[in-house]
Amino acid sequence: MRAEIEGRMDMHAVDIYGLSEVMGPGVSQECVGTKDGLHIWEDHFYQRSSIRSPARCSPTARSASSSSHPLTKQALPIVR
């Protein structure tokens, strides 16, 4: 679908991930030149990810968490 849109409209289409409750239009975006995945806007966000392996579960059981802390907005950490 992306190739069809780019061909018909003579433009580049990129993926943009956004959360309206955080910053409005975007949190991360794909590079136009490489289109190799999303890159977090590090000038506006501090990203933390952790993977934990609980002691009571099987060795293959894991839980993960990710938190994004806006640097240009105050008092609004988002945990997903």
Protein backbone atom coordinates (compact mmCIF):
# COMPACT_ATOMS: atom_id res chain seq x y z
CA MET A 1 0.00 0.00 0.00
CA ARG A 2 2.84 2.36 0.84
CA ALA A 3 4.50 1.86 -2.57
CA GLU A 4 1.19 2.50 -4.33
CA ILE A 5 0.61 5.75 -2.43
CA GLU A 6 4.18 6.93 -3.02
CA GLY A 7 3.93 6.12 -6.74
CA ARG A 8 0.56 7.74 -7.36
CA MET A 9 1.27 10.90 -5.37
CA ASP A 10 5.00 11.24 -6.14
CA MET A 11 5.87 11.60 -2.44
CA HIS A 12 7.49 9.72 0.45
CA ALA A 13 5.22 8.02 3.00
CA VAL A 14 6.63 7.38 6.49
CA ASP A 15 5.30 5.84 9.70
CA ILE A 16 4.66 8.25 12.58
CA TYR A 17 3.68 7.09 16.07
CA GLY A 18 1.90 9.63 18.21
CA LEU A 19 0.07 9.94 21.50
CA SER A 20 -2.32 12.86 21.77
CA GLU A 21 -2.13 12.78 25.58
CA VAL A 22 1.64 13.28 25.49
CA MET A 23 2.68 15.70 22.75
CA GLY A 24 0.07 15.75 20.04
CA PRO A 25 1.22 14.67 16.61
CA GLY A 26 4.22 12.48 17.30
CA VAL A 27 6.53 10.56 19.59
CA SER A 28 8.60 8.80 16.95
CA GLN A 29 8.98 8.76 13.19
CA GLU A 30 10.60 6.76 10.42
CA CYS A 31 13.51 8.28 8.46
CA VAL A 32 12.60 9.28 4.91
CA GLY A 33 15.87 8.03 3.42
CA THR A 34 16.13 4.58 5.02
CA LYS A 35 12.58 3.73 6.20
CA ASP A 36 14.12 1.22 8.61
CA GLY A 37 11.91 1.63 11.67
CA LEU A 38 10.72 4.25 14.09
CA HIS A 39 13.13 6.54 15.93
CA ILE A 40 12.06 8.22 19.19
CA TRP A 41 12.30 12.00 19.23
CA GLU A 42 15.06 12.11 21.86
CA ASP A 43 15.00 15.89 22.12
CA HIS A 44 11.48 15.65 23.60
CA PHE A 45 11.40 12.21 25.33
CA TYR A 46 13.43 10.07 27.69
CA GLN A 47 12.59 6.42 26.99
CA ARG A 48 13.10 3.60 29.53
CA SER A 49 12.47 -0.10 28.90
CA SER A 50 12.96 -3.03 31.23
CA ILE A 51 12.54 -6.79 30.96
CA ARG A 52 12.10 -8.72 34.19
CA SER A 53 12.16 -12.44 34.81
CA PRO A 54 10.12 -13.24 37.94
CA ALA A 55 11.70 -15.81 40.28
CA ARG A 56 8.44 -17.71 40.82
CA CYS A 57 7.70 -18.24 37.13
CA SER A 58 9.29 -20.59 34.67
CA PRO A 59 12.70 -19.57 33.26
CA THR A 60 11.08 -18.54 29.97
CA ALA A 61 8.44 -16.28 31.56
CA ARG A 62 9.18 -12.57 31.33
CA SER A 63 7.39 -9.32 31.78
CA ALA A 64 8.36 -6.05 30.18
CA SER A 65 7.54 -2.42 30.73
CA SER A 66 8.23 0.74 28.85
CA SER A 67 7.92 4.30 30.05
CA SER A 68 8.22 7.47 28.06
CA HIS A 69 8.94 10.67 29.94
CA PRO A 70 8.31 13.93 28.08
CA LEU A 71 11.16 16.40 28.60
CA THR A 72 9.32 19.43 27.28
CA LYS A 73 6.05 18.83 29.14
CA GLN A 74 5.77 18.70 32.93
CA ALA A 75 4.39 15.98 35.24
CA LEU A 76 3.09 13.51 32.67
CA PRO A 77 4.92 10.12 32.62
CA ILE A 78 3.22 7.53 30.44
CA VAL A 79 3.57 3.80 31.24
CA ARG A 80 2.42 1.19 28.73
